[in-house]
């Protein structure tokens, strides 16, 4: 049983379920369980969540999911090769990160330690 306040599950909008599954499986190796045409659960090896076709994408100002990558430049290349738009890059004390838009328009970030 997780402790109170533990982030247990993340759910993101995904109007294009097929593109979502292709993108996240090819770039990050996530696995999926389908629960009908409008919902798919995902496993990342460290966190679980779902993509919901009925939720609306918030193009700016919504929650930001931040993923980790040991090789940030290599991960950025994979994200670009999978067709995502890189929207920003920056450094911060202790690390650096980039942001991208997934096939549905969700903004996601990837970071690494410096």
C-alpha atoms as a PDB file:
ATOM      1  CA  UNK A   1       0.000   0.000   0.000  1.00  0.00           C
ATOM      2  CA  UNK A   2       1.528   3.338  -1.046  1.00  0.00           C
ATOM      3  CA  UNK A   3       1.947   6.084   1.536  1.00  0.00           C
ATOM      4  CA  UNK A   4      -0.380   9.091   1.538  1.00  0.00           C
ATOM      5  CA  UNK A   5       0.793  11.639  -1.028  1.00  0.00           C
ATOM      6  CA  UNK A   6       2.537   9.058  -3.258  1.00  0.00           C
ATOM      7  CA  UNK A   7       2.041   9.741  -6.985  1.00  0.00           C
ATOM      8  CA  UNK A   8       0.313   6.497  -7.897  1.00  0.00           C
ATOM      9  CA  UNK A   9      -0.901   6.947 -11.472  1.00  0.00           C
ATOM     10  CA  UNK A  10      -0.676   9.528 -14.259  1.00  0.00           C
ATOM     11  CA  UNK A  11      -3.413   9.904 -16.864  1.00  0.00           C
ATOM     12  CA  UNK A  12      -2.883  11.886 -20.065  1.00  0.00           C
ATOM     13  CA  UNK A  13      -5.186  12.812 -22.941  1.00  0.00           C
ATOM     14  CA  UNK A  14      -4.680  10.860 -26.165  1.00  0.00           C
ATOM     15  CA  UNK A  15      -7.141  11.447 -28.991  1.00  0.00           C
ATOM     16  CA  UNK A  16      -4.907   9.377 -31.325  1.00  0.00           C
ATOM     17  CA  UNK A  17      -4.388   6.131 -29.424  1.00  0.00           C
ATOM     18  CA  UNK A  18      -2.512   4.287 -32.208  1.00  0.00           C
ATOM     19  CA  UNK A  19       0.050   7.097 -32.642  1.00  0.00           C
ATOM     20  CA  UNK A  20       0.419   7.360 -28.865  1.00  0.00           C
ATOM     21  CA  UNK A  21       1.219   3.681 -28.457  1.00  0.00           C
ATOM     22  CA  UNK A  22       3.664   3.690 -31.394  1.00  0.00           C
ATOM     23  CA  UNK A  23       5.485   6.764 -30.094  1.00  0.00           C
ATOM     24  CA  UNK A  24       5.884   5.740 -26.434  1.00  0.00           C
ATOM     25  CA  UNK A  25       6.748   2.114 -27.191  1.00  0.00           C
ATOM     26  CA  UNK A  26       9.362   3.014 -29.823  1.00  0.00           C
ATOM     27  CA  UNK A  27      11.022   5.832 -27.875  1.00  0.00           C
ATOM     28  CA  UNK A  28      10.735   4.717 -24.241  1.00  0.00           C
ATOM     29  CA  UNK A  29       9.866   1.003 -24.439  1.00  0.00           C
ATOM     30  CA  UNK A  30       6.586   1.395 -22.544  1.00  0.00           C
ATOM     31  CA  UNK A  31       4.103  -1.501 -22.574  1.00  0.00           C
ATOM     32  CA  UNK A  32       0.319  -1.166 -22.810  1.00  0.00           C
ATOM     33  CA  UNK A  33      -2.931  -2.840 -21.787  1.00  0.00           C
ATOM     34  CA  UNK A  34      -6.002  -1.866 -23.804  1.00  0.00           C
ATOM     35  CA  UNK A  35      -9.276  -1.239 -21.975  1.00  0.00           C
ATOM     36  CA  UNK A  36     -11.524  -0.558 -24.931  1.00  0.00           C
ATOM     37  CA  UNK A  37     -11.021   1.880 -27.816  1.00  0.00           C
ATOM     38  CA  UNK A  38     -10.772   5.008 -25.640  1.00  0.00           C
ATOM     39  CA  UNK A  39      -8.407   3.926 -22.856  1.00  0.00           C
ATOM     40  CA  UNK A  40      -5.025   2.247 -22.614  1.00  0.00           C
ATOM     41  CA  UNK A  41      -2.950   1.744 -19.465  1.00  0.00           C
ATOM     42  CA  UNK A  42       0.842   2.002 -19.624  1.00  0.00           C
ATOM     43  CA  UNK A  43       3.752   0.644 -17.624  1.00  0.00           C
ATOM     44  CA  UNK A  44       7.115   2.384 -17.656  1.00  0.00           C
ATOM     45  CA  UNK A  45       9.016   0.101 -15.316  1.00  0.00           C
ATOM     46  CA  UNK A  46       8.786   2.705 -12.561  1.00  0.00           C
ATOM     47  CA  UNK A  47       5.393   4.352 -12.894  1.00  0.00           C
ATOM     48  CA  UNK A  48       2.053   3.427 -14.336  1.00  0.00           C
ATOM     49  CA  UNK A  49      -0.691   5.465 -15.891  1.00  0.00           C
ATOM     50  CA  UNK A  50      -3.101   5.676 -18.744  1.00  0.00           C
ATOM     51  CA  UNK A  51      -3.998   7.472 -21.938  1.00  0.00           C
ATOM     52  CA  UNK A  52      -7.625   8.557 -22.215  1.00  0.00           C
ATOM     53  CA  UNK A  53      -9.114   9.510 -25.592  1.00  0.00           C
ATOM     54  CA  UNK A  54     -11.954  11.405 -23.893  1.00  0.00           C
ATOM     55  CA  UNK A  55      -9.698  13.885 -22.033  1.00  0.00           C
ATOM     56  CA  UNK A  56      -8.791  17.201 -23.669  1.00  0.00           C
ATOM     57  CA  UNK A  57      -5.163  18.167 -24.302  1.00  0.00           C
ATOM     58  CA  UNK A  58      -4.081  21.342 -22.500  1.00  0.00           C
ATOM     59  CA  UNK A  59      -1.545  22.923 -24.824  1.00  0.00           C
ATOM     60  CA  UNK A  60       0.020  25.207 -22.212  1.00  0.00           C
ATOM     61  CA  UNK A  61      -0.067  25.385 -18.455  1.00  0.00           C
ATOM     62  CA  UNK A  62      -1.197  21.843 -17.631  1.00  0.00           C
ATOM     63  CA  UNK A  63       0.738  19.455 -15.398  1.00  0.00           C
ATOM     64  CA  UNK A  64       4.224  18.613 -16.681  1.00  0.00           C
ATOM     65  CA  UNK A  65       5.367  14.981 -16.636  1.00  0.00           C
ATOM     66  CA  UNK A  66       9.170  14.810 -16.428  1.00  0.00           C
ATOM     67  CA  UNK A  67      10.998  11.629 -17.450  1.00  0.00           C
ATOM     68  CA  UNK A  68      14.641  10.757 -16.715  1.00  0.00           C
ATOM     69  CA  UNK A  69      17.305   9.732 -19.265  1.00  0.00           C
ATOM     70  CA  UNK A  70      20.940   8.857 -18.555  1.00  0.00           C
ATOM     71  CA  UNK A  71      21.860   9.934 -22.119  1.00  0.00           C
ATOM     72  CA  UNK A  72      19.841  13.086 -22.714  1.00  0.00           C
ATOM     73  CA  UNK A  73      21.239  13.796 -26.182  1.00  0.00           C
ATOM     74  CA  UNK A  74      20.568  10.227 -27.305  1.00  0.00           C
ATOM     75  CA  UNK A  75      17.022  10.388 -25.944  1.00  0.00           C
ATOM     76  CA  UNK A  76      16.396  13.709 -27.681  1.00  0.00           C
ATOM     77  CA  UNK A  77      17.523  12.126 -30.964  1.00  0.00           C
ATOM     78  CA  UNK A  78      15.077   9.213 -30.428  1.00  0.00           C
ATOM     79  CA  UNK A  79      12.226  11.591 -29.612  1.00  0.00           C
ATOM     80  CA  UNK A  80      12.910  13.643 -32.762  1.00  0.00           C
ATOM     81  CA  UNK A  81      13.254  10.506 -34.910  1.00  0.00           C
ATOM     82  CA  UNK A  82       9.824   9.384 -33.678  1.00  0.00           C
ATOM     83  CA  UNK A  83       8.354  12.651 -34.960  1.00  0.00           C
ATOM     84  CA  UNK A  84       7.997  14.739 -31.807  1.00  0.00           C
ATOM     85  CA  UNK A  85       8.511  18.495 -31.781  1.00  0.00           C
ATOM     86  CA  UNK A  86      11.228  19.679 -29.369  1.00  0.00           C
ATOM     87  CA  UNK A  87       9.836  22.843 -27.772  1.00  0.00           C
ATOM     88  CA  UNK A  88      12.626  23.936 -25.422  1.00  0.00           C
ATOM     89  CA  UNK A  89      16.014  23.038 -23.952  1.00  0.00           C
ATOM     90  CA  UNK A  90      17.647  24.439 -20.845  1.00  0.00           C
ATOM     91  CA  UNK A  91      20.130  23.847 -18.062  1.00  0.00           C
ATOM     92  CA  UNK A  92      19.454  24.243 -14.367  1.00  0.00           C
ATOM     93  CA  UNK A  93      21.551  23.698 -11.219  1.00  0.00           C
ATOM     94  CA  UNK A  94      22.361  19.988 -11.215  1.00  0.00           C
ATOM     95  CA  UNK A  95      21.070  19.073 -14.653  1.00  0.00           C
ATOM     96  CA  UNK A  96      19.560  19.882 -17.999  1.00  0.00           C
ATOM     97  CA  UNK A  97      16.395  18.959 -19.841  1.00  0.00           C
ATOM     98  CA  UNK A  98      14.349  19.287 -22.989  1.00  0.00           C
ATOM     99  CA  UNK A  99      10.606  19.481 -23.552  1.00  0.00           C
ATOM    100  CA  UNK A 100       8.645  17.971 -26.440  1.00  0.00           C
ATOM    101  CA  UNK A 101       5.084  17.591 -27.668  1.00  0.00           C
ATOM    102  CA  UNK A 102       3.882  14.016 -28.101  1.00  0.00           C
ATOM    103  CA  UNK A 103       1.609  12.943 -31.004  1.00  0.00           C
ATOM    104  CA  UNK A 104      -1.422  14.287 -29.103  1.00  0.00           C
ATOM    105  CA  UNK A 105       0.106  17.664 -28.195  1.00  0.00           C
ATOM    106  CA  UNK A 106       0.900  16.821 -24.555  1.00  0.00           C
ATOM    107  CA  UNK A 107       4.028  18.583 -23.308  1.00  0.00           C
ATOM    108  CA  UNK A 108       6.506  16.147 -21.723  1.00  0.00           C
ATOM    109  CA  UNK A 109      10.027  16.858 -20.417  1.00  0.00           C
ATOM    110  CA  UNK A 110      13.113  14.656 -20.160  1.00  0.00           C
ATOM    111  CA  UNK A 111      15.990  15.515 -17.836  1.00  0.00           C
ATOM    112  CA  UNK A 112      19.426  14.275 -16.828  1.00  0.00           C
ATOM    113  CA  UNK A 113      21.948  15.102 -14.126  1.00  0.00           C
ATOM    114  CA  UNK A 114      24.892  17.270 -15.144  1.00  0.00           C
END
